[in-house]
């Protein structure tokens, strides 16, 4: 059996705090993990996924700062080394994706190409 690769994906303290606040505010059950990944679409070709979801057949599961995280193993190539932050400023508000694999990004900050 092949070794399962778990990419190094990070969540800053601000991102972790916001994720935990969303879980509490929206009454999302603790057993529903946070999905990090990508999907086709967006102005640059791929968009980020950050949502609470059920574990699927191809998902790896790991923990970051007390948050259970799942990710489709096929997305590892696109997000390895990525850090997710959260901003509350006037110009930037929401989750920010710092992805070293992105060759191009869109002005919206949630779309990229690799």
PDB file of N, CA and C in Angstrom:
ATOM      1  N   UNK A   1       0.843  -1.185   0.000  1.00  0.00           N
ATOM      2  CA  UNK A   1       0.000   0.000   0.000  1.00  0.00           C
ATOM      3  C   UNK A   1       0.883   1.241   0.000  1.00  0.00           C
ATOM      4  N   UNK A   2       0.539   2.218  -0.810  1.00  0.00           N
ATOM      5  CA  UNK A   2       1.321   3.446  -0.916  1.00  0.00           C
ATOM      6  C   UNK A   2       1.158   4.296   0.335  1.00  0.00           C
ATOM      7  N   UNK A   3       2.201   5.030   0.644  1.00  0.00           N
ATOM      8  CA  UNK A   3       2.170   5.931   1.800  1.00  0.00           C
ATOM      9  C   UNK A   3       1.256   7.110   1.500  1.00  0.00           C
ATOM     10  N   UNK A   4       0.439   7.506   2.459  1.00  0.00           N
ATOM     11  CA  UNK A   4      -0.470   8.641   2.290  1.00  0.00           C
ATOM     12  C   UNK A   4       0.313   9.917   2.528  1.00  0.00           C
ATOM     13  N   UNK A   5       0.233  10.838   1.585  1.00  0.00           N
ATOM     14  CA  UNK A   5       0.933  12.113   1.675  1.00  0.00           C
ATOM     15  C   UNK A   5       0.002  13.156   2.279  1.00  0.00           C
ATOM     16  N   UNK A   6       0.418  13.750   3.363  1.00  0.00           N
ATOM     17  CA  UNK A   6      -0.330  14.848   3.965  1.00  0.00           C
ATOM     18  C   UNK A   6       0.467  16.123   3.749  1.00  0.00           C
ATOM     19  N   UNK A   7      -0.036  17.027   2.944  1.00  0.00           N
ATOM     20  CA  UNK A   7       0.720  18.246   2.637  1.00  0.00           C
ATOM     21  C   UNK A   7       0.817  19.165   3.835  1.00  0.00           C
ATOM     22  N   UNK A   8       1.811  20.016   3.799  1.00  0.00           N
ATOM     23  CA  UNK A   8       1.925  21.013   4.860  1.00  0.00           C
ATOM     24  C   UNK A   8       1.060  22.204   4.475  1.00  0.00           C
ATOM     25  N   UNK A   9      -0.109  22.264   5.065  1.00  0.00           N
ATOM     26  CA  UNK A   9      -1.033  23.377   4.892  1.00  0.00           C
ATOM     27  C   UNK A   9      -1.165  24.018   6.252  1.00  0.00           C
ATOM     28  N   UNK A  10      -1.095  25.338   6.300  1.00  0.00           N
ATOM     29  CA  UNK A  10      -1.158  26.030   7.580  1.00  0.00           C
ATOM     30  C   UNK A  10      -2.357  26.936   7.712  1.00  0.00           C
ATOM     31  N   UNK A  11      -2.788  27.115   8.939  1.00  0.00           N
ATOM     32  CA  UNK A  11      -3.828  28.080   9.290  1.00  0.00           C
ATOM     33  C   UNK A  11      -3.244  28.997  10.346  1.00  0.00           C
ATOM     34  N   UNK A  12      -3.289  30.296  10.110  1.00  0.00           N
ATOM     35  CA  UNK A  12      -2.788  31.230  11.112  1.00  0.00           C
ATOM     36  C   UNK A  12      -3.709  31.243  12.320  1.00  0.00           C
ATOM     37  N   UNK A  13      -3.243  31.842  13.401  1.00  0.00           N
ATOM     38  CA  UNK A  13      -4.064  31.955  14.611  1.00  0.00           C
ATOM     39  C   UNK A  13      -5.365  32.702  14.324  1.00  0.00           C
ATOM     40  N   UNK A  14      -5.295  33.742  13.486  1.00  0.00           N
ATOM     41  CA  UNK A  14      -6.513  34.506  13.144  1.00  0.00           C
ATOM     42  C   UNK A  14      -7.494  33.639  12.363  1.00  0.00           C
ATOM     43  N   UNK A  15      -6.971  32.831  11.408  1.00  0.00           N
ATOM     44  CA  UNK A  15      -7.836  31.942  10.629  1.00  0.00           C
ATOM     45  C   UNK A  15      -8.472  30.889  11.538  1.00  0.00           C
ATOM     46  N   UNK A  16      -7.675  30.307  12.427  1.00  0.00           N
ATOM     47  CA  UNK A  16      -8.203  29.311  13.366  1.00  0.00           C
ATOM     48  C   UNK A  16      -9.305  29.900  14.242  1.00  0.00           C
ATOM     49  N   UNK A  17      -9.077  31.111  14.749  1.00  0.00           N
ATOM     50  CA  UNK A  17     -10.072  31.761  15.603  1.00  0.00           C
ATOM     51  C   UNK A  17     -11.372  32.000  14.836  1.00  0.00           C
ATOM     52  N   UNK A  18     -11.280  32.431  13.587  1.00  0.00           N
ATOM     53  CA  UNK A  18     -12.483  32.695  12.786  1.00  0.00           C
ATOM     54  C   UNK A  18     -13.204  31.395  12.443  1.00  0.00           C
ATOM     55  N   UNK A  19     -12.462  30.351  12.119  1.00  0.00           N
ATOM     56  CA  UNK A  19     -13.066  29.052  11.818  1.00  0.00           C
ATOM     57  C   UNK A  19     -13.821  28.529  13.034  1.00  0.00           C
ATOM     58  N   UNK A  20     -13.223  28.639  14.208  1.00  0.00           N
ATOM     59  CA  UNK A  20     -13.877  28.190  15.435  1.00  0.00           C
ATOM     60  C   UNK A  20     -15.111  29.045  15.740  1.00  0.00           C
ATOM     61  N   UNK A  21     -15.026  30.353  15.474  1.00  0.00           N
ATOM     62  CA  UNK A  21     -16.170  31.244  15.702  1.00  0.00           C
ATOM     63  C   UNK A  21     -17.318  30.917  14.747  1.00  0.00           C
ATOM     64  N   UNK A  22     -17.004  30.623  13.498  1.00  0.00           N
ATOM     65  CA  UNK A  22     -18.034  30.251  12.517  1.00  0.00           C
ATOM     66  C   UNK A  22     -18.708  28.948  12.940  1.00  0.00           C
ATOM     67  N   UNK A  23     -17.896  27.977  13.363  1.00  0.00           N
ATOM     68  CA  UNK A  23     -18.451  26.689  13.801  1.00  0.00           C
ATOM     69  C   UNK A  23     -19.448  26.897  14.950  1.00  0.00           C
ATOM     70  N   UNK A  24     -19.065  27.725  15.915  1.00  0.00           N
ATOM     71  CA  UNK A  24     -19.937  27.975  17.073  1.00  0.00           C
ATOM     72  C   UNK A  24     -21.170  28.773  16.670  1.00  0.00           C
ATOM     73  N   UNK A  25     -20.977  29.858  15.922  1.00  0.00           N
ATOM     74  CA  UNK A  25     -22.084  30.734  15.522  1.00  0.00           C
ATOM     75  C   UNK A  25     -23.128  29.987  14.690  1.00  0.00           C
ATOM     76  N   UNK A  26     -22.657  29.117  13.772  1.00  0.00           N
ATOM     77  CA  UNK A  26     -23.568  28.412  12.865  1.00  0.00           C
ATOM     78  C   UNK A  26     -23.959  27.018  13.366  1.00  0.00           C
ATOM     79  N   UNK A  27     -23.568  26.708  14.610  1.00  0.00           N
ATOM     80  CA  UNK A  27     -23.899  25.416  15.224  1.00  0.00           C
ATOM     81  C   UNK A  27     -23.487  24.228  14.350  1.00  0.00           C
ATOM     82  N   UNK A  28     -22.275  24.274  13.838  1.00  0.00           N
ATOM     83  CA  UNK A  28     -21.754  23.182  13.007  1.00  0.00           C
ATOM     84  C   UNK A  28     -21.190  22.126  13.949  1.00  0.00           C
ATOM     85  N   UNK A  29     -21.642  20.888  13.819  1.00  0.00           N
ATOM     86  CA  UNK A  29     -21.194  19.827  14.730  1.00  0.00           C
ATOM     87  C   UNK A  29     -19.672  19.637  14.687  1.00  0.00           C
ATOM     88  N   UNK A  30     -19.098  19.349  15.831  1.00  0.00           N
ATOM     89  CA  UNK A  30     -17.645  19.166  15.950  1.00  0.00           C
ATOM     90  C   UNK A  30     -17.144  18.017  15.089  1.00  0.00           C
ATOM     91  N   UNK A  31     -18.000  17.020  14.827  1.00  0.00           N
ATOM     92  CA  UNK A  31     -17.566  15.882  14.030  1.00  0.00           C
ATOM     93  C   UNK A  31     -17.552  16.163  12.524  1.00  0.00           C
ATOM     94  N   UNK A  32     -17.940  17.358  12.110  1.00  0.00           N
ATOM     95  CA  UNK A  32     -17.902  17.747  10.699  1.00  0.00           C
ATOM     96  C   UNK A  32     -16.604  18.530  10.472  1.00  0.00           C
ATOM     97  N   UNK A  33     -15.619  17.912   9.797  1.00  0.00           N
ATOM     98  CA  UNK A  33     -14.313  18.567   9.647  1.00  0.00           C
ATOM     99  C   UNK A  33     -14.314  19.702   8.619  1.00  0.00           C
ATOM    100  N   UNK A  34     -13.257  20.494   8.682  1.00  0.00           N
ATOM    101  CA  UNK A  34     -13.044  21.591   7.747  1.00  0.00           C
ATOM    102  C   UNK A  34     -12.377  21.043   6.498  1.00  0.00           C
ATOM    103  N   UNK A  35     -12.958  21.305   5.328  1.00  0.00           N
ATOM    104  CA  UNK A  35     -12.357  20.885   4.068  1.00  0.00           C
ATOM    105  C   UNK A  35     -11.516  22.021   3.497  1.00  0.00           C
ATOM    106  N   UNK A  36     -10.272  21.694   3.156  1.00  0.00           N
ATOM    107  CA  UNK A  36      -9.390  22.609   2.435  1.00  0.00           C
ATOM    108  C   UNK A  36      -9.077  21.946   1.107  1.00  0.00           C
ATOM    109  N   UNK A  37      -9.209  22.688   0.023  1.00  0.00           N
ATOM    110  CA  UNK A  37      -8.919  22.103  -1.280  1.00  0.00           C
ATOM    111  C   UNK A  37      -9.102  23.100  -2.399  1.00  0.00           C
ATOM    112  N   UNK A  38      -9.302  22.562  -3.582  1.00  0.00           N
ATOM    113  CA  UNK A  38      -9.496  23.385  -4.772  1.00  0.00           C
ATOM    114  C   UNK A  38     -10.641  22.799  -5.593  1.00  0.00           C
ATOM    115  N   UNK A  39     -11.160  23.619  -6.497  1.00  0.00           N
ATOM    116  CA  UNK A  39     -12.143  23.156  -7.466  1.00  0.00           C
ATOM    117  C   UNK A  39     -11.925  23.938  -8.756  1.00  0.00           C
ATOM    118  N   UNK A  40     -12.348  23.375  -9.842  1.00  0.00           N
ATOM    119  CA  UNK A  40     -12.236  24.068 -11.122  1.00  0.00           C
ATOM    120  C   UNK A  40     -13.151  25.262 -11.160  1.00  0.00           C
ATOM    121  N   UNK A  41     -12.692  26.321 -11.809  1.00  0.00           N
ATOM    122  CA  UNK A  41     -13.502  27.524 -11.945  1.00  0.00           C
ATOM    123  C   UNK A  41     -12.763  28.754 -11.452  1.00  0.00           C
ATOM    124  N   UNK A  42     -13.445  29.849 -11.455  1.00  0.00           N
ATOM    125  CA  UNK A  42     -12.808  31.106 -11.066  1.00  0.00           C
ATOM    126  C   UNK A  42     -12.124  31.745 -12.266  1.00  0.00           C
ATOM    127  N   UNK A  43     -11.737  32.982 -12.140  1.00  0.00           N
ATOM    128  CA  UNK A  43     -11.168  33.707 -13.276  1.00  0.00           C
ATOM    129  C   UNK A  43      -9.783  33.225 -13.676  1.00  0.00           C
ATOM    130  N   UNK A  44      -9.082  32.523 -12.787  1.00  0.00           N
ATOM    131  CA  UNK A  44      -7.731  32.058 -13.123  1.00  0.00           C
ATOM    132  C   UNK A  44      -7.658  30.546 -13.340  1.00  0.00           C
ATOM    133  N   UNK A  45      -8.777  29.848 -13.252  1.00  0.00           N
ATOM    134  CA  UNK A  45      -8.783  28.417 -13.533  1.00  0.00           C
ATOM    135  C   UNK A  45      -9.140  27.525 -12.367  1.00  0.00           C
ATOM    136  N   UNK A  46      -8.656  27.839 -11.164  1.00  0.00           N
ATOM    137  CA  UNK A  46      -8.952  27.063  -9.965  1.00  0.00           C
ATOM    138  C   UNK A  46      -9.397  28.012  -8.856  1.00  0.00           C
ATOM    139  N   UNK A  47     -10.286  27.535  -7.999  1.00  0.00           N
ATOM    140  CA  UNK A  47     -10.725  28.311  -6.845  1.00  0.00           C
ATOM    141  C   UNK A  47     -10.461  27.493  -5.587  1.00  0.00           C
ATOM    142  N   UNK A  48     -10.240  28.178  -4.491  1.00  0.00           N
ATOM    143  CA  UNK A  48     -10.016  27.506  -3.217  1.00  0.00           C
ATOM    144  C   UNK A  48     -11.336  27.058  -2.606  1.00  0.00           C
ATOM    145  N   UNK A  49     -11.274  25.969  -1.861  1.00  0.00           N
ATOM    146  CA  UNK A  49     -12.415  25.459  -1.102  1.00  0.00           C
ATOM    147  C   UNK A  49     -12.038  25.512   0.373  1.00  0.00           C
ATOM    148  N   UNK A  50     -12.895  26.105   1.173  1.00  0.00           N
ATOM    149  CA  UNK A  50     -12.724  26.165   2.620  1.00  0.00           C
ATOM    150  C   UNK A  50     -14.131  26.104   3.202  1.00  0.00           C
ATOM    151  N   UNK A  51     -14.526  24.902   3.666  1.00  0.00           N
ATOM    152  CA  UNK A  51     -15.895  24.703   4.105  1.00  0.00           C
ATOM    153  C   UNK A  51     -15.961  23.488   5.020  1.00  0.00           C
ATOM    154  N   UNK A  52     -16.983  23.400   5.826  1.00  0.00           N
ATOM    155  CA  UNK A  52     -17.196  22.227   6.661  1.00  0.00           C
ATOM    156  C   UNK A  52     -17.905  21.181   5.805  1.00  0.00           C
ATOM    157  N   UNK A  53     -17.438  19.929   5.887  1.00  0.00           N
ATOM    158  CA  UNK A  53     -17.913  18.922   4.958  1.00  0.00           C
ATOM    159  C   UNK A  53     -17.787  17.527   5.573  1.00  0.00           C
ATOM    160  N   UNK A  54     -18.332  16.543   4.891  1.00  0.00           N
ATOM    161  CA  UNK A  54     -18.196  15.148   5.283  1.00  0.00           C
ATOM    162  C   UNK A  54     -16.941  14.575   4.632  1.00  0.00           C
ATOM    163  N   UNK A  55     -16.285  13.642   5.318  1.00  0.00           N
ATOM    164  CA  UNK A  55     -15.097  12.996   4.779  1.00  0.00           C
ATOM    165  C   UNK A  55     -15.488  12.094   3.621  1.00  0.00           C
ATOM    166  N   UNK A  56     -14.713  12.202   2.521  1.00  0.00           N
ATOM    167  CA  UNK A  56     -14.970  11.401   1.336  1.00  0.00           C
ATOM    168  C   UNK A  56     -13.931  10.314   1.137  1.00  0.00           C
ATOM    169  N   UNK A  57     -14.128   9.535   0.124  1.00  0.00           N
ATOM    170  CA  UNK A  57     -13.297   8.365  -0.177  1.00  0.00           C
ATOM    171  C   UNK A  57     -11.816   8.694  -0.359  1.00  0.00           C
ATOM    172  N   UNK A  58     -11.494   9.816  -0.988  1.00  0.00           N
ATOM    173  CA  UNK A  58     -10.110  10.155  -1.303  1.00  0.00           C
ATOM    174  C   UNK A  58      -9.493  11.151  -0.318  1.00  0.00           C
ATOM    175  N   UNK A  59     -10.169  11.403   0.804  1.00  0.00           N
ATOM    176  CA  UNK A  59      -9.720  12.419   1.751  1.00  0.00           C
ATOM    177  C   UNK A  59      -8.682  11.906   2.739  1.00  0.00           C
ATOM    178  N   UNK A  60      -7.696  12.761   2.997  1.00  0.00           N
ATOM    179  CA  UNK A  60      -6.784  12.583   4.125  1.00  0.00           C
ATOM    180  C   UNK A  60      -7.342  13.438   5.248  1.00  0.00           C
ATOM    181  N   UNK A  61      -7.105  13.029   6.486  1.00  0.00           N
ATOM    182  CA  UNK A  61      -7.585  13.794   7.627  1.00  0.00           C
ATOM    183  C   UNK A  61      -6.406  14.104   8.533  1.00  0.00           C
ATOM    184  N   UNK A  62      -6.334  15.338   8.996  1.00  0.00           N
ATOM    185  CA  UNK A  62      -5.280  15.769   9.900  1.00  0.00           C
ATOM    186  C   UNK A  62      -5.819  16.893  10.763  1.00  0.00           C
ATOM    187  N   UNK A  63      -5.033  17.335  11.714  1.00  0.00           N
ATOM    188  CA  UNK A  63      -5.467  18.371  12.652  1.00  0.00           C
ATOM    189  C   UNK A  63      -4.523  19.557  12.580  1.00  0.00           C
ATOM    190  N   UNK A  64      -5.111  20.746  12.622  1.00  0.00           N
ATOM    191  CA  UNK A  64      -4.330  21.980  12.683  1.00  0.00           C
ATOM    192  C   UNK A  64      -4.910  22.818  13.812  1.00  0.00           C
ATOM    193  N   UNK A  65      -4.130  23.056  14.854  1.00  0.00           N
ATOM    194  CA  UNK A  65      -4.559  23.918  15.948  1.00  0.00           C
ATOM    195  C   UNK A  65      -5.871  23.523  16.585  1.00  0.00           C
ATOM    196  N   UNK A  66      -6.126  22.233  16.704  1.00  0.00           N
ATOM    197  CA  UNK A  66      -7.355  21.770  17.318  1.00  0.00           C
ATOM    198  C   UNK A  66      -8.535  21.665  16.366  1.00  0.00           C
ATOM    199  N   UNK A  67      -8.321  21.944  15.084  1.00  0.00           N
ATOM    200  CA  UNK A  67      -9.386  21.847  14.078  1.00  0.00           C
ATOM    201  C   UNK A  67      -9.112  20.625  13.211  1.00  0.00           C
ATOM    202  N   UNK A  68     -10.101  19.720  13.127  1.00  0.00           N
ATOM    203  CA  UNK A  68      -9.982  18.571  12.234  1.00  0.00           C
ATOM    204  C   UNK A  68     -10.142  19.061  10.802  1.00  0.00           C
ATOM    205  N   UNK A  69      -9.193  18.670   9.935  1.00  0.00           N
ATOM    206  CA  UNK A  69      -9.164  19.124   8.552  1.00  0.00           C
ATOM    207  C   UNK A  69      -9.175  17.908   7.640  1.00  0.00           C
ATOM    208  N   UNK A  70      -9.923  18.007   6.545  1.00  0.00           N
ATOM    209  CA  UNK A  70      -9.893  16.980   5.506  1.00  0.00           C
ATOM    210  C   UNK A  70      -9.484  17.625   4.195  1.00  0.00           C
ATOM    211  N   UNK A  71      -8.835  16.811   3.346  1.00  0.00           N
ATOM    212  CA  UNK A  71      -8.450  17.307   2.038  1.00  0.00           C
ATOM    213  C   UNK A  71      -8.367  16.133   1.083  1.00  0.00           C
ATOM    214  N   UNK A  72      -8.933  16.293  -0.088  1.00  0.00           N
ATOM    215  CA  UNK A  72      -8.821  15.290  -1.134  1.00  0.00           C
ATOM    216  C   UNK A  72      -7.340  15.157  -1.478  1.00  0.00           C
ATOM    217  N   UNK A  73      -6.807  13.942  -1.404  1.00  0.00           N
ATOM    218  CA  UNK A  73      -5.383  13.709  -1.651  1.00  0.00           C
ATOM    219  C   UNK A  73      -4.951  14.193  -3.038  1.00  0.00           C
ATOM    220  N   UNK A  74      -5.886  14.231  -3.976  1.00  0.00           N
ATOM    221  CA  UNK A  74      -5.564  14.679  -5.334  1.00  0.00           C
ATOM    222  C   UNK A  74      -5.318  16.190  -5.399  1.00  0.00           C
ATOM    223  N   UNK A  75      -5.665  16.920  -4.355  1.00  0.00           N
ATOM    224  CA  UNK A  75      -5.464  18.371  -4.329  1.00  0.00           C
ATOM    225  C   UNK A  75      -4.131  18.768  -3.707  1.00  0.00           C
ATOM    226  N   UNK A  76      -3.418  17.804  -3.140  1.00  0.00           N
ATOM    227  CA  UNK A  76      -2.169  18.079  -2.420  1.00  0.00           C
ATOM    228  C   UNK A  76      -1.178  18.871  -3.263  1.00  0.00           C
ATOM    229  N   UNK A  77      -1.066  18.531  -4.521  1.00  0.00           N
ATOM    230  CA  UNK A  77      -0.129  19.200  -5.423  1.00  0.00           C
ATOM    231  C   UNK A  77      -0.395  20.708  -5.500  1.00  0.00           C
ATOM    232  N   UNK A  78      -1.655  21.099  -5.421  1.00  0.00           N
ATOM    233  CA  UNK A  78      -2.034  22.502  -5.588  1.00  0.00           C
ATOM    234  C   UNK A  78      -1.919  23.333  -4.318  1.00  0.00           C
ATOM    235  N   UNK A  79      -1.976  22.695  -3.149  1.00  0.00           N
ATOM    236  CA  UNK A  79      -2.019  23.468  -1.903  1.00  0.00           C
ATOM    237  C   UNK A  79      -0.868  23.199  -0.936  1.00  0.00           C
ATOM    238  N   UNK A  80       0.056  22.326  -1.295  1.00  0.00           N
ATOM    239  CA  UNK A  80       1.186  22.038  -0.401  1.00  0.00           C
ATOM    240  C   UNK A  80       1.953  23.322  -0.101  1.00  0.00           C
ATOM    241  N   UNK A  81       2.173  23.600   1.160  1.00  0.00           N
ATOM    242  CA  UNK A  81       2.889  24.805   1.574  1.00  0.00           C
ATOM    243  C   UNK A  81       2.015  26.035   1.708  1.00  0.00           C
ATOM    244  N   UNK A  82       0.729  25.921   1.431  1.00  0.00           N
ATOM    245  CA  UNK A  82      -0.177  27.064   1.500  1.00  0.00           C
ATOM    246  C   UNK A  82      -0.493  27.415   2.949  1.00  0.00           C
ATOM    247  N   UNK A  83      -0.668  28.699   3.210  1.00  0.00           N
ATOM    248  CA  UNK A  83      -1.104  29.179   4.516  1.00  0.00           C
ATOM    249  C   UNK A  83      -2.376  29.992   4.327  1.00  0.00           C
ATOM    250  N   UNK A  84      -3.360  29.716   5.172  1.00  0.00           N
ATOM    251  CA  UNK A  84      -4.624  30.443   5.140  1.00  0.00           C
ATOM    252  C   UNK A  84      -4.634  31.404   6.317  1.00  0.00           C
ATOM    253  N   UNK A  85      -4.932  32.663   6.028  1.00  0.00           N
ATOM    254  CA  UNK A  85      -4.997  33.706   7.052  1.00  0.00           C
ATOM    255  C   UNK A  85      -6.404  34.289   7.035  1.00  0.00           C
ATOM    256  N   UNK A  86      -6.695  35.145   8.002  1.00  0.00           N
ATOM    257  CA  UNK A  86      -7.974  35.837   8.043  1.00  0.00           C
ATOM    258  C   UNK A  86      -7.715  37.303   8.336  1.00  0.00           C
ATOM    259  N   UNK A  87      -8.285  38.176   7.521  1.00  0.00           N
ATOM    260  CA  UNK A  87      -8.119  39.624   7.674  1.00  0.00           C
ATOM    261  C   UNK A  87      -9.465  40.266   7.982  1.00  0.00           C
ATOM    262  N   UNK A  88      -9.421  41.315   8.811  1.00  0.00           N
ATOM    263  CA  UNK A  88     -10.633  42.053   9.147  1.00  0.00           C
ATOM    264  C   UNK A  88     -10.495  43.537   8.839  1.00  0.00           C
ATOM    265  N   UNK A  89      -9.613  43.886   7.922  1.00  0.00           N
ATOM    266  CA  UNK A  89      -9.388  45.288   7.592  1.00  0.00           C
ATOM    267  C   UNK A  89     -10.478  45.863   6.703  1.00  0.00           C
ATOM    268  N   UNK A  90     -10.346  47.142   6.401  1.00  0.00           N
ATOM    269  CA  UNK A  90     -11.321  47.808   5.543  1.00  0.00           C
ATOM    270  C   UNK A  90     -11.209  47.334   4.093  1.00  0.00           C
ATOM    271  N   UNK A  91      -9.985  47.127   3.617  1.00  0.00           N
ATOM    272  CA  UNK A  91      -9.786  46.719   2.228  1.00  0.00           C
ATOM    273  C   UNK A  91      -9.800  45.200   2.057  1.00  0.00           C
ATOM    274  N   UNK A  92      -9.208  44.496   2.975  1.00  0.00           N
ATOM    275  CA  UNK A  92      -9.173  43.046   2.915  1.00  0.00           C
ATOM    276  C   UNK A  92      -9.975  42.493   4.077  1.00  0.00           C
ATOM    277  N   UNK A  93     -11.021  41.753   3.754  1.00  0.00           N
ATOM    278  CA  UNK A  93     -11.841  41.145   4.795  1.00  0.00           C
ATOM    279  C   UNK A  93     -12.180  39.732   4.344  1.00  0.00           C
ATOM    280  N   UNK A  94     -11.845  38.775   5.189  1.00  0.00           N
ATOM    281  CA  UNK A  94     -12.140  37.386   4.869  1.00  0.00           C
ATOM    282  C   UNK A  94     -10.870  36.553   4.879  1.00  0.00           C
ATOM    283  N   UNK A  95     -11.007  35.318   4.401  1.00  0.00           N
ATOM    284  CA  UNK A  95      -9.881  34.399   4.372  1.00  0.00           C
ATOM    285  C   UNK A  95      -8.965  34.742   3.205  1.00  0.00           C
ATOM    286  N   UNK A  96      -7.670  34.731   3.481  1.00  0.00           N
ATOM    287  CA  UNK A  96      -6.633  35.051   2.496  1.00  0.00           C
ATOM    288  C   UNK A  96      -5.782  33.801   2.311  1.00  0.00           C
ATOM    289  N   UNK A  97      -5.536  33.419   1.062  1.00  0.00           N
ATOM    290  CA  UNK A  97      -4.778  32.208   0.743  1.00  0.00           C
ATOM    291  C   UNK A  97      -3.400  32.598   0.223  1.00  0.00           C
ATOM    292  N   UNK A  98      -2.361  32.223   0.956  1.00  0.00           N
ATOM    293  CA  UNK A  98      -0.977  32.471   0.533  1.00  0.00           C
ATOM    294  C   UNK A  98      -0.441  31.143   0.001  1.00  0.00           C
ATOM    295  N   UNK A  99      -0.430  31.004  -1.318  1.00  0.00           N
ATOM    296  CA  UNK A  99      -0.111  29.724  -1.945  1.00  0.00           C
ATOM    297  C   UNK A  99       1.155  29.847  -2.795  1.00  0.00           C
ATOM    298  N   UNK A 100       2.243  29.185  -2.386  1.00  0.00           N
ATOM    299  CA  UNK A 100       3.486  29.262  -3.158  1.00  0.00           C
ATOM    300  C   UNK A 100       3.407  28.532  -4.499  1.00  0.00           C
ATOM    301  N   UNK A 101       2.370  27.734  -4.715  1.00  0.00           N
ATOM    302  CA  UNK A 101       2.212  26.985  -5.959  1.00  0.00           C
ATOM    303  C   UNK A 101       1.468  27.757  -7.031  1.00  0.00           C
ATOM    304  N   UNK A 102       0.895  28.885  -6.679  1.00  0.00           N
ATOM    305  CA  UNK A 102       0.105  29.668  -7.631  1.00  0.00           C
ATOM    306  C   UNK A 102       1.026  30.441  -8.570  1.00  0.00           C
ATOM    307  N   UNK A 103       0.874  30.185  -9.867  1.00  0.00           N
ATOM    308  CA  UNK A 103       1.676  30.922 -10.840  1.00  0.00           C
ATOM    309  C   UNK A 103       0.990  32.227 -11.228  1.00  0.00           C
ATOM    310  N   UNK A 104      -0.334  32.277 -11.112  1.00  0.00           N
ATOM    311  CA  UNK A 104      -1.114  33.489 -11.353  1.00  0.00           C
ATOM    312  C   UNK A 104      -2.251  33.521 -10.352  1.00  0.00           C
ATOM    313  N   UNK A 105      -2.613  34.707  -9.904  1.00  0.00           N
ATOM    314  CA  UNK A 105      -3.763  34.855  -9.035  1.00  0.00           C
ATOM    315  C   UNK A 105      -4.682  35.927  -9.583  1.00  0.00           C
ATOM    316  N   UNK A 106      -5.881  35.929  -9.102  1.00  0.00           N
ATOM    317  CA  UNK A 106      -6.885  36.886  -9.533  1.00  0.00           C
ATOM    318  C   UNK A 106      -7.010  37.981  -8.470  1.00  0.00           C
ATOM    319  N   UNK A 107      -7.547  39.095  -8.819  1.00  0.00           N
ATOM    320  CA  UNK A 107      -7.748  40.185  -7.877  1.00  0.00           C
ATOM    321  C   UNK A 107      -8.660  39.836  -6.725  1.00  0.00           C
ATOM    322  N   UNK A 108      -9.521  38.844  -6.919  1.00  0.00           N
ATOM    323  CA  UNK A 108     -10.438  38.451  -5.841  1.00  0.00           C
ATOM    324  C   UNK A 108      -9.735  37.688  -4.737  1.00  0.00           C
ATOM    325  N   UNK A 109      -8.569  37.104  -5.034  1.00  0.00           N
ATOM    326  CA  UNK A 109      -7.791  36.391  -4.025  1.00  0.00           C
ATOM    327  C   UNK A 109      -8.238  34.969  -3.770  1.00  0.00           C
ATOM    328  N   UNK A 110      -9.284  34.517  -4.448  1.00  0.00           N
ATOM    329  CA  UNK A 110      -9.744  33.149  -4.243  1.00  0.00           C
ATOM    330  C   UNK A 110      -9.600  32.298  -5.497  1.00  0.00           C
ATOM    331  N   UNK A 111      -8.994  32.831  -6.542  1.00  0.00           N
ATOM    332  CA  UNK A 111      -8.817  32.109  -7.786  1.00  0.00           C
ATOM    333  C   UNK A 111      -7.340  32.143  -8.166  1.00  0.00           C
ATOM    334  N   UNK A 112      -6.846  31.028  -8.729  1.00  0.00           N
ATOM    335  CA  UNK A 112      -5.445  30.970  -9.095  1.00  0.00           C
ATOM    336  C   UNK A 112      -5.221  29.941 -10.197  1.00  0.00           C
ATOM    337  N   UNK A 113      -4.029  29.958 -10.769  1.00  0.00           N
ATOM    338  CA  UNK A 113      -3.619  28.889 -11.677  1.00  0.00           C
ATOM    339  C   UNK A 113      -2.253  28.403 -11.210  1.00  0.00           C
ATOM    340  N   UNK A 114      -1.987  27.152 -11.514  1.00  0.00           N
ATOM    341  CA  UNK A 114      -0.727  26.541 -11.055  1.00  0.00           C
ATOM    342  C   UNK A 114       0.059  26.035 -12.247  1.00  0.00           C
TER     343      UNK A 114
END
